Structure formats: structure tokens, C-alpha cells
C-alpha atoms as a PDB file:
ATOM      1  CA  MET A   1     104.525  91.439 106.310  1.00  0.00           C
ATOM      2  CA  TYR A   2     105.152  91.939 102.610  1.00  0.00           C
ATOM      3  CA  GLY A   3     104.687  95.157 100.660  1.00  0.00           C
ATOM      4  CA  ILE A   4     106.480  98.324  99.671  1.00  0.00           C
ATOM      5  CA  THR A   5     107.786 100.910 102.091  1.00  0.00           C
ATOM      6  CA  ASN A   6     106.045 103.997 100.746  1.00  0.00           C
ATOM      7  CA  CYS A   7     102.546 102.445 100.577  1.00  0.00           C
ATOM      8  CA  ASP A   8     100.004 104.235 102.807  1.00  0.00           C
ATOM      9  CA  THR A   9      98.198 100.981 103.583  1.00  0.00           C
ATOM     10  CA  ILE A  10     101.469  99.386 104.665  1.00  0.00           C
ATOM     11  CA  LYS A  11     102.093 102.350 106.953  1.00  0.00           C
ATOM     12  CA  LYS A  12      98.650 101.908 108.556  1.00  0.00           C
ATOM     13  CA  ALA A  13      99.182  98.169 109.021  1.00  0.00           C
ATOM     14  CA  ARG A  14     102.610  98.728 110.558  1.00  0.00           C
ATOM     15  CA  VAL A  15     101.215 101.307 112.991  1.00  0.00           C
ATOM     16  CA  TRP A  16      98.445  98.877 113.959  1.00  0.00           C
ATOM     17  CA  LEU A  17     100.888  96.022 114.576  1.00  0.00           C
ATOM     18  CA  GLU A  18     103.253  98.245 116.551  1.00  0.00           C
ATOM     19  CA  SER A  19     100.437  99.757 118.646  1.00  0.00           C
ATOM     20  CA  HIS A  20      99.394  96.204 119.574  1.00  0.00           C
ATOM     21  CA  ASP A  21     102.989  95.228 120.458  1.00  0.00           C
ATOM     22  CA  LEU A  22     103.030  92.565 117.760  1.00  0.00           C
ATOM     23  CA  PRO A  23     106.484  91.894 116.336  1.00  0.00           C
ATOM     24  CA  TYR A  24     106.814  91.447 112.599  1.00  0.00           C
ATOM     25  CA  ARG A  25     109.414  91.360 109.867  1.00  0.00           C
ATOM     26  CA  PHE A  26     108.907  93.603 106.857  1.00  0.00           C
ATOM     27  CA  HIS A  27     109.842  92.393 103.375  1.00  0.00           C
ATOM     28  CA  ASP A  28     109.916  95.163 100.768  1.00  0.00           C
ATOM     29  CA  TYR A  29     109.302  93.364  97.518  1.00  0.00           C
ATOM     30  CA  ARG A  30     110.175  96.411  95.501  1.00  0.00           C
ATOM     31  CA  ALA A  31     113.717  96.172  96.895  1.00  0.00           C
ATOM     32  CA  GLU A  32     113.931  92.435  97.639  1.00  0.00           C
ATOM     33  CA  GLY A  33     111.637  90.980  94.984  1.00  0.00           C
ATOM     34  CA  ILE A  34     109.346  88.029  95.539  1.00  0.00           C
ATOM     35  CA  GLU A  35     110.000  84.346  94.928  1.00  0.00           C
ATOM     36  CA  ALA A  36     107.717  82.357  92.637  1.00  0.00           C
ATOM     37  CA  GLY A  37     107.232  79.749  95.352  1.00  0.00           C
ATOM     38  CA  LYS A  38     106.052  82.359  97.826  1.00  0.00           C
ATOM     39  CA  LEU A  39     103.609  83.883  95.317  1.00  0.00           C
ATOM     40  CA  ASN A  40     102.324  80.413  94.371  1.00  0.00           C
ATOM     41  CA  GLY A  41     101.776  79.613  98.042  1.00  0.00           C
ATOM     42  CA  TRP A  42      99.769  82.770  98.608  1.00  0.00           C
ATOM     43  CA  ALA A  43      97.737  82.211  95.464  1.00  0.00           C
ATOM     44  CA  GLY A  44      96.963  78.689  96.612  1.00  0.00           C
ATOM     45  CA  LYS A  45      95.575  80.047  99.880  1.00  0.00           C
ATOM     46  CA  VAL A  46      93.767  83.235  98.842  1.00  0.00           C
ATOM     47  CA  GLY A  47      93.545  83.043  95.037  1.00  0.00           C
ATOM     48  CA  TRP A  48      95.503  85.004  92.445  1.00  0.00           C
ATOM     49  CA  GLU A  49      92.518  87.302  91.877  1.00  0.00           C
ATOM     50  CA  LYS A  50      92.785  88.634  95.434  1.00  0.00           C
ATOM     51  CA  LEU A  51      96.533  89.147  95.105  1.00  0.00           C
ATOM     52  CA  LEU A  52      96.513  91.047  91.800  1.00  0.00           C
ATOM     53  CA  ASN A  53      95.922  94.745  92.439  1.00  0.00           C
ATOM     54  CA  LYS A  54      94.273  95.959  89.244  1.00  0.00           C
ATOM     55  CA  GLY A  55      94.080  99.449  90.737  1.00  0.00           C
ATOM     56  CA  SER A  56      97.839  99.760  91.099  1.00  0.00           C
ATOM     57  CA  THR A  57      99.754 102.216  88.957  1.00  0.00           C
ATOM     58  CA  SER A  58     101.924  99.349  87.713  1.00  0.00           C
ATOM     59  CA  PHE A  59      98.894  97.438  86.441  1.00  0.00           C
ATOM     60  CA  ARG A  60      97.156 100.485  84.961  1.00  0.00           C
ATOM     61  CA  GLU A  61     100.317 101.389  83.017  1.00  0.00           C
ATOM     62  CA  LEU A  62     100.477  97.981  81.329  1.00  0.00           C
ATOM     63  CA  PRO A  63      99.719  97.809  77.609  1.00  0.00           C
ATOM     64  CA  GLU A  64      96.107  96.740  77.009  1.00  0.00           C
ATOM     65  CA  ALA A  65      97.302  93.486  75.444  1.00  0.00           C
ATOM     66  CA  ASP A  66      98.917  92.490  78.766  1.00  0.00           C
ATOM     67  CA  LYS A  67      95.661  93.132  80.649  1.00  0.00           C
ATOM     68  CA  GLN A  68      93.523  91.042  78.300  1.00  0.00           C
ATOM     69  CA  GLY A  69      92.912  87.349  78.861  1.00  0.00           C
ATOM     70  CA  LEU A  70      94.170  87.326  82.428  1.00  0.00           C
ATOM     71  CA  ASP A  71      94.410  83.892  83.904  1.00  0.00           C
ATOM     72  CA  GLU A  72      96.391  82.554  86.839  1.00  0.00           C
ATOM     73  CA  LYS A  73      99.569  81.895  84.847  1.00  0.00           C
ATOM     74  CA  LYS A  74      99.590  85.332  83.202  1.00  0.00           C
ATOM     75  CA  ALA A  75      98.700  87.160  86.431  1.00  0.00           C
ATOM     76  CA  LYS A  76     101.480  85.427  88.371  1.00  0.00           C
ATOM     77  CA  ALA A  77     104.004  86.247  85.647  1.00  0.00           C
ATOM     78  CA  LEU A  78     102.963  89.908  85.801  1.00  0.00           C
ATOM     79  CA  MET A  79     103.228  90.003  89.610  1.00  0.00           C
ATOM     80  CA  LEU A  80     106.650  88.332  89.561  1.00  0.00           C
ATOM     81  CA  ALA A  81     107.882  90.800  86.936  1.00  0.00           C
ATOM     82  CA  LYS A  82     106.446  93.793  88.828  1.00  0.00           C
ATOM     83  CA  PRO A  83     105.729  92.916  92.466  1.00  0.00           C
ATOM     84  CA  THR A  84     104.153  96.345  92.994  1.00  0.00           C
ATOM     85  CA  MET A  85     101.082  94.794  91.320  1.00  0.00           C
ATOM     86  CA  ILE A  86     100.567  92.619  94.401  1.00  0.00           C
ATOM     87  CA  ARG A  87      97.858  93.951  96.709  1.00  0.00           C
ATOM     88  CA  ARG A  88      99.332  95.222  99.964  1.00  0.00           C
ATOM     89  CA  PRO A  89     100.049  94.248 102.604  1.00  0.00           C
ATOM     90  CA  VAL A  90     100.355  90.494 102.565  1.00  0.00           C
ATOM     91  CA  LEU A  91     100.629  89.287 106.140  1.00  0.00           C
ATOM     92  CA  GLU A  92     101.717  85.745 106.920  1.00  0.00           C
ATOM     93  CA  ILE A  93     100.690  84.420 110.308  1.00  0.00           C
ATOM     94  CA  GLY A  94     101.800  80.830 110.622  1.00  0.00           C
ATOM     95  CA  ASP A  95     100.079  79.051 107.753  1.00  0.00           C
ATOM     96  CA  ARG A  96      97.490  81.811 107.267  1.00  0.00           C
ATOM     97  CA  VAL A  97      97.681  84.642 104.735  1.00  0.00           C
ATOM     98  CA  VAL A  98      95.847  87.970 105.110  1.00  0.00           C
ATOM     99  CA  VAL A  99      95.766  90.296 102.095  1.00  0.00           C
ATOM    100  CA  GLY A 100      95.035  93.996 102.547  1.00  0.00           C
ATOM    101  CA  PHE A 101      94.556  95.871 105.793  1.00  0.00           C
ATOM    102  CA  LYS A 102      91.363  96.195 107.769  1.00  0.00           C
ATOM    103  CA  PRO A 103      91.768  96.741 111.512  1.00  0.00           C
ATOM    104  CA  GLU A 104      88.859  94.428 112.342  1.00  0.00           C
ATOM    105  CA  VAL A 105      90.381  91.595 110.297  1.00  0.00           C
ATOM    106  CA  TYR A 106      93.778  92.085 111.939  1.00  0.00           C
ATOM    107  CA  GLU A 107      92.070  92.105 115.361  1.00  0.00           C
ATOM    108  CA  GLN A 108      90.338  88.798 114.607  1.00  0.00           C
ATOM    109  CA  THR A 109      93.464  87.263 113.113  1.00  0.00           C
ATOM    110  CA  VAL A 110      96.351  88.451 115.275  1.00  0.00           C
ATOM    111  CA  GLY A 111      94.973  90.727 117.978  1.00  0.00           C
ATOM    112  CA  LYS A 112      95.882  90.159 121.596  1.00  0.00           C
END
């Protein structure tokens, strides 16, 4: 699971995983960063539009010029520079990627 420690959605996802006795490793990309290859892999599976959290404080605080003309290349550069712009959590299950937390999606994807 990828995200940031103090995110409420991350906390909910972690509680869900723990309550279902599902082991996971947490990667805090505020502290550990995110590799371009990892971000490219996610974007290839779910699309950069799903990964970019336009509601995040980091995105909202960007100068207007940085928000204009968003395309895949620009969005990825922004997310690599400030990983807190990546929607949370990102859960990798084998070759699958789940972005965000909805209990019913987790149940369908990883539930026992």
C-alpha cells in the first residue's frame, strides 16, 4: 500500500486490511518518495487521470500556470515532484492496482 501516514483514507484502508487479517507493507511516499518506473506502471494500468488528485492541497496550491494544459507527461512530473498529489491509497495486489479506498472494492479485490 502506498500513501502518506497522516491521510484519513489511508487510515481507513489500513484498518480494513488489518480487520480482515490481510498482511501488507506500507510505503509512505512523503518520506520515501516514489520512483518514476513505479508511477509509470500505475499510470499504464489505471491512467494518470485517476492517479492525479486534483483535490489535494498540494495540487490546489500550485500556480495556475502549472495546472493548465495538463497532459500525461506534465501530470507525472508534478506527481514525482510532489507525491502527495497522488490519490491515496494505491494498493498493489500482484499485477493489479487499486486506487482509492472503497470497502466494497477491497472486498471484491482482496477479501477473504
